[in-house]
PDB file of N, CA and C in Angstrom:
ATOM      1  N   UNK A   1      13.486  44.926  29.971  1.00  0.00           N
ATOM      2  CA  UNK A   1      13.131  45.465  31.252  1.00  0.00           C
ATOM      3  C   UNK A   1      12.923  46.964  31.120  1.00  0.00           C
ATOM      4  N   UNK A   2      12.025  47.472  31.931  1.00  0.00           N
ATOM      5  CA  UNK A   2      11.777  48.903  31.970  1.00  0.00           C
ATOM      6  C   UNK A   2      12.518  49.564  33.115  1.00  0.00           C
ATOM      7  N   UNK A   3      12.459  50.881  33.188  1.00  0.00           N
ATOM      8  CA  UNK A   3      13.217  51.609  34.204  1.00  0.00           C
ATOM      9  C   UNK A   3      12.767  51.341  35.641  1.00  0.00           C
ATOM     10  N   UNK A   4      11.555  50.857  35.827  1.00  0.00           N
ATOM     11  CA  UNK A   4      11.059  50.606  37.187  1.00  0.00           C
ATOM     12  C   UNK A   4      10.892  49.126  37.493  1.00  0.00           C
ATOM     13  N   UNK A   5      11.336  48.253  36.576  1.00  0.00           N
ATOM     14  CA  UNK A   5      11.216  46.817  36.798  1.00  0.00           C
ATOM     15  C   UNK A   5      12.247  46.339  37.811  1.00  0.00           C
ATOM     16  N   UNK A   6      11.845  45.379  38.615  1.00  0.00           N
ATOM     17  CA  UNK A   6      12.724  44.822  39.642  1.00  0.00           C
ATOM     18  C   UNK A   6      13.664  43.785  39.028  1.00  0.00           C
ATOM     19  N   UNK A   7      14.913  43.803  39.440  1.00  0.00           N
ATOM     20  CA  UNK A   7      15.870  42.780  39.026  1.00  0.00           C
ATOM     21  C   UNK A   7      15.749  41.635  40.023  1.00  0.00           C
ATOM     22  N   UNK A   8      15.338  40.474  39.540  1.00  0.00           N
ATOM     23  CA  UNK A   8      15.101  39.323  40.410  1.00  0.00           C
ATOM     24  C   UNK A   8      16.349  38.449  40.427  1.00  0.00           C
ATOM     25  N   UNK A   9      16.840  38.163  41.622  1.00  0.00           N
ATOM     26  CA  UNK A   9      18.010  37.295  41.791  1.00  0.00           C
ATOM     27  C   UNK A   9      17.513  35.903  42.183  1.00  0.00           C
ATOM     28  N   UNK A  10      17.770  34.887  41.356  1.00  0.00           N
ATOM     29  CA  UNK A  10      17.370  33.527  41.724  1.00  0.00           C
ATOM     30  C   UNK A  10      18.029  33.105  43.041  1.00  0.00           C
ATOM     31  N   UNK A  11      17.362  32.244  43.784  1.00  0.00           N
ATOM     32  CA  UNK A  11      17.862  31.829  45.101  1.00  0.00           C
ATOM     33  C   UNK A  11      19.233  31.160  45.032  1.00  0.00           C
ATOM     34  N   UNK A  12      19.539  30.467  43.934  1.00  0.00           N
ATOM     35  CA  UNK A  12      20.824  29.765  43.835  1.00  0.00           C
ATOM     36  C   UNK A  12      21.991  30.705  43.523  1.00  0.00           C
ATOM     37  N   UNK A  13      21.711  31.935  43.161  1.00  0.00           N
ATOM     38  CA  UNK A  13      22.760  32.904  42.847  1.00  0.00           C
ATOM     39  C   UNK A  13      23.211  33.581  44.133  1.00  0.00           C
ATOM     40  N   UNK A  14      24.513  33.555  44.393  1.00  0.00           N
ATOM     41  CA  UNK A  14      25.033  34.161  45.616  1.00  0.00           C
ATOM     42  C   UNK A  14      25.247  35.656  45.468  1.00  0.00           C
ATOM     43  N   UNK A  15      25.656  36.088  44.287  1.00  0.00           N
ATOM     44  CA  UNK A  15      25.934  37.508  44.094  1.00  0.00           C
ATOM     45  C   UNK A  15      25.694  37.891  42.641  1.00  0.00           C
ATOM     46  N   UNK A  16      25.063  39.035  42.440  1.00  0.00           N
ATOM     47  CA  UNK A  16      24.886  39.573  41.098  1.00  0.00           C
ATOM     48  C   UNK A  16      26.082  40.440  40.739  1.00  0.00           C
ATOM     49  N   UNK A  17      26.427  40.429  39.480  1.00  0.00           N
ATOM     50  CA  UNK A  17      27.472  41.302  38.961  1.00  0.00           C
ATOM     51  C   UNK A  17      26.777  42.396  38.165  1.00  0.00           C
ATOM     52  N   UNK A  18      27.134  43.624  38.418  1.00  0.00           N
ATOM     53  CA  UNK A  18      26.502  44.723  37.685  1.00  0.00           C
ATOM     54  C   UNK A  18      27.546  45.757  37.312  1.00  0.00           C
ATOM     55  N   UNK A  19      27.374  46.299  36.128  1.00  0.00           N
ATOM     56  CA  UNK A  19      28.318  47.283  35.601  1.00  0.00           C
ATOM     57  C   UNK A  19      27.561  48.307  34.771  1.00  0.00           C
ATOM     58  N   UNK A  20      28.035  49.524  34.781  1.00  0.00           N
ATOM     59  CA  UNK A  20      27.527  50.543  33.862  1.00  0.00           C
ATOM     60  C   UNK A  20      28.305  50.404  32.560  1.00  0.00           C
ATOM     61  N   UNK A  21      27.600  50.392  31.455  1.00  0.00           N
ATOM     62  CA  UNK A  21      28.226  50.214  30.146  1.00  0.00           C
ATOM     63  C   UNK A  21      27.792  51.327  29.203  1.00  0.00           C
ATOM     64  N   UNK A  22      28.602  51.579  28.206  1.00  0.00           N
ATOM     65  CA  UNK A  22      28.237  52.476  27.116  1.00  0.00           C
ATOM     66  C   UNK A  22      27.647  51.612  26.010  1.00  0.00           C
ATOM     67  N   UNK A  23      26.441  51.946  25.565  1.00  0.00           N
ATOM     68  CA  UNK A  23      25.782  51.188  24.502  1.00  0.00           C
ATOM     69  C   UNK A  23      25.666  52.044  23.246  1.00  0.00           C
ATOM     70  N   UNK A  24      25.856  51.420  22.105  1.00  0.00           N
ATOM     71  CA  UNK A  24      25.687  52.083  20.815  1.00  0.00           C
ATOM     72  C   UNK A  24      24.328  51.704  20.249  1.00  0.00           C
ATOM     73  N   UNK A  25      23.656  52.653  19.648  1.00  0.00           N
ATOM     74  CA  UNK A  25      22.389  52.388  18.977  1.00  0.00           C
ATOM     75  C   UNK A  25      22.666  52.418  17.477  1.00  0.00           C
ATOM     76  N   UNK A  26      22.461  51.283  16.840  1.00  0.00           N
ATOM     77  CA  UNK A  26      22.700  51.182  15.406  1.00  0.00           C
ATOM     78  C   UNK A  26      21.461  51.703  14.684  1.00  0.00           C
ATOM     79  N   UNK A  27      21.663  52.633  13.749  1.00  0.00           N
ATOM     80  CA  UNK A  27      20.549  53.312  13.107  1.00  0.00           C
ATOM     81  C   UNK A  27      20.044  52.692  11.823  1.00  0.00           C
ATOM     82  N   UNK A  28      20.840  51.831  11.188  1.00  0.00           N
ATOM     83  CA  UNK A  28      20.400  51.192   9.950  1.00  0.00           C
ATOM     84  C   UNK A  28      21.119  49.860   9.793  1.00  0.00           C
ATOM     85  N   UNK A  29      20.532  48.983   8.995  1.00  0.00           N
ATOM     86  CA  UNK A  29      21.116  47.657   8.784  1.00  0.00           C
ATOM     87  C   UNK A  29      22.499  47.778   8.162  1.00  0.00           C
ATOM     88  N   UNK A  30      23.377  46.892   8.595  1.00  0.00           N
ATOM     89  CA  UNK A  30      24.744  46.912   8.084  1.00  0.00           C
ATOM     90  C   UNK A  30      25.257  45.482   7.955  1.00  0.00           C
ATOM     91  N   UNK A  31      26.089  45.272   6.960  1.00  0.00           N
ATOM     92  CA  UNK A  31      26.716  43.965   6.765  1.00  0.00           C
ATOM     93  C   UNK A  31      28.038  44.197   6.051  1.00  0.00           C
ATOM     94  N   UNK A  32      29.087  43.580   6.563  1.00  0.00           N
ATOM     95  CA  UNK A  32      30.421  43.703   5.966  1.00  0.00           C
ATOM     96  C   UNK A  32      30.867  45.156   5.826  1.00  0.00           C
ATOM     97  N   UNK A  33      30.633  45.932   6.863  1.00  0.00           N
ATOM     98  CA  UNK A  33      30.993  47.352   6.865  1.00  0.00           C
ATOM     99  C   UNK A  33      32.439  47.493   7.337  1.00  0.00           C
ATOM    100  N   UNK A  34      33.192  48.331   6.677  1.00  0.00           N
ATOM    101  CA  UNK A  34      34.585  48.550   7.079  1.00  0.00           C
ATOM    102  C   UNK A  34      34.633  49.377   8.363  1.00  0.00           C
ATOM    103  N   UNK A  35      35.745  49.306   9.044  1.00  0.00           N
ATOM    104  CA  UNK A  35      35.926  50.075  10.281  1.00  0.00           C
ATOM    105  C   UNK A  35      35.751  51.562  10.013  1.00  0.00           C
ATOM    106  N   UNK A  36      36.269  52.039   8.909  1.00  0.00           N
ATOM    107  CA  UNK A  36      36.184  53.472   8.606  1.00  0.00           C
ATOM    108  C   UNK A  36      34.761  53.923   8.270  1.00  0.00           C
ATOM    109  N   UNK A  37      33.913  53.016   7.811  1.00  0.00           N
ATOM    110  CA  UNK A  37      32.527  53.362   7.471  1.00  0.00           C
ATOM    111  C   UNK A  37      31.553  53.114   8.626  1.00  0.00           C
ATOM    112  N   UNK A  38      31.973  52.397   9.658  1.00  0.00           N
ATOM    113  CA  UNK A  38      31.080  52.003  10.753  1.00  0.00           C
ATOM    114  C   UNK A  38      30.424  53.194  11.434  1.00  0.00           C
ATOM    115  N   UNK A  39      31.131  54.302  11.567  1.00  0.00           N
ATOM    116  CA  UNK A  39      30.582  55.474  12.255  1.00  0.00           C
ATOM    117  C   UNK A  39      29.333  56.027  11.570  1.00  0.00           C
ATOM    118  N   UNK A  40      29.141  55.738  10.300  1.00  0.00           N
ATOM    119  CA  UNK A  40      27.973  56.223   9.569  1.00  0.00           C
ATOM    120  C   UNK A  40      26.703  55.434   9.906  1.00  0.00           C
ATOM    121  N   UNK A  41      26.845  54.329  10.619  1.00  0.00           N
ATOM    122  CA  UNK A  41      25.711  53.489  10.981  1.00  0.00           C
ATOM    123  C   UNK A  41      25.280  53.689  12.432  1.00  0.00           C
ATOM    124  N   UNK A  42      25.997  54.502  13.177  1.00  0.00           N
ATOM    125  CA  UNK A  42      25.674  54.740  14.584  1.00  0.00           C
ATOM    126  C   UNK A  42      24.642  55.852  14.690  1.00  0.00           C
ATOM    127  N   UNK A  43      23.492  55.530  15.289  1.00  0.00           N
ATOM    128  CA  UNK A  43      22.423  56.506  15.489  1.00  0.00           C
ATOM    129  C   UNK A  43      22.682  57.346  16.733  1.00  0.00           C
ATOM    130  N   UNK A  44      23.170  56.673  17.791  1.00  0.00           N
ATOM    131  CA  UNK A  44      23.421  57.403  19.029  1.00  0.00           C
ATOM    132  C   UNK A  44      24.060  56.517  20.079  1.00  0.00           C
ATOM    133  N   UNK A  45      24.172  57.074  21.274  1.00  0.00           N
ATOM    134  CA  UNK A  45      24.784  56.396  22.418  1.00  0.00           C
ATOM    135  C   UNK A  45      23.852  56.523  23.614  1.00  0.00           C
ATOM    136  N   UNK A  46      23.954  55.586  24.534  1.00  0.00           N
ATOM    137  CA  UNK A  46      23.194  55.661  25.779  1.00  0.00           C
ATOM    138  C   UNK A  46      23.961  54.877  26.845  1.00  0.00           C
ATOM    139  N   UNK A  47      23.482  54.928  28.065  1.00  0.00           N
ATOM    140  CA  UNK A  47      24.075  54.117  29.125  1.00  0.00           C
ATOM    141  C   UNK A  47      23.244  52.851  29.293  1.00  0.00           C
ATOM    142  N   UNK A  48      23.882  51.798  29.765  1.00  0.00           N
ATOM    143  CA  UNK A  48      23.244  50.499  29.906  1.00  0.00           C
ATOM    144  C   UNK A  48      23.641  49.907  31.249  1.00  0.00           C
ATOM    145  N   UNK A  49      22.676  49.382  31.981  1.00  0.00           N
ATOM    146  CA  UNK A  49      22.943  48.697  33.238  1.00  0.00           C
ATOM    147  C   UNK A  49      23.046  47.209  32.924  1.00  0.00           C
ATOM    148  N   UNK A  50      24.247  46.672  32.934  1.00  0.00           N
ATOM    149  CA  UNK A  50      24.518  45.277  32.596  1.00  0.00           C
ATOM    150  C   UNK A  50      24.532  44.465  33.886  1.00  0.00           C
ATOM    151  N   UNK A  51      23.545  43.572  34.049  1.00  0.00           N
ATOM    152  CA  UNK A  51      23.435  42.755  35.259  1.00  0.00           C
ATOM    153  C   UNK A  51      23.492  41.289  34.854  1.00  0.00           C
ATOM    154  N   UNK A  52      24.366  40.527  35.511  1.00  0.00           N
ATOM    155  CA  UNK A  52      24.468  39.096  35.246  1.00  0.00           C
ATOM    156  C   UNK A  52      24.796  38.368  36.543  1.00  0.00           C
ATOM    157  N   UNK A  53      24.663  37.046  36.489  1.00  0.00           N
ATOM    158  CA  UNK A  53      24.944  36.242  37.676  1.00  0.00           C
ATOM    159  C   UNK A  53      26.070  35.278  37.389  1.00  0.00           C
TER     160      UNK A  53
END
């Protein structure tokens, strides 16, 4: 979805749940990375609008 796209609620859904979340952007492929090395794979952070029904 883009920043101006409408969030469509299906008719059978009574209420949408929405939350602001912190999202991590992974900058390179990783597999079996240790906790101490994980920070080297993070490209950046952003906010995310998490919407579910």
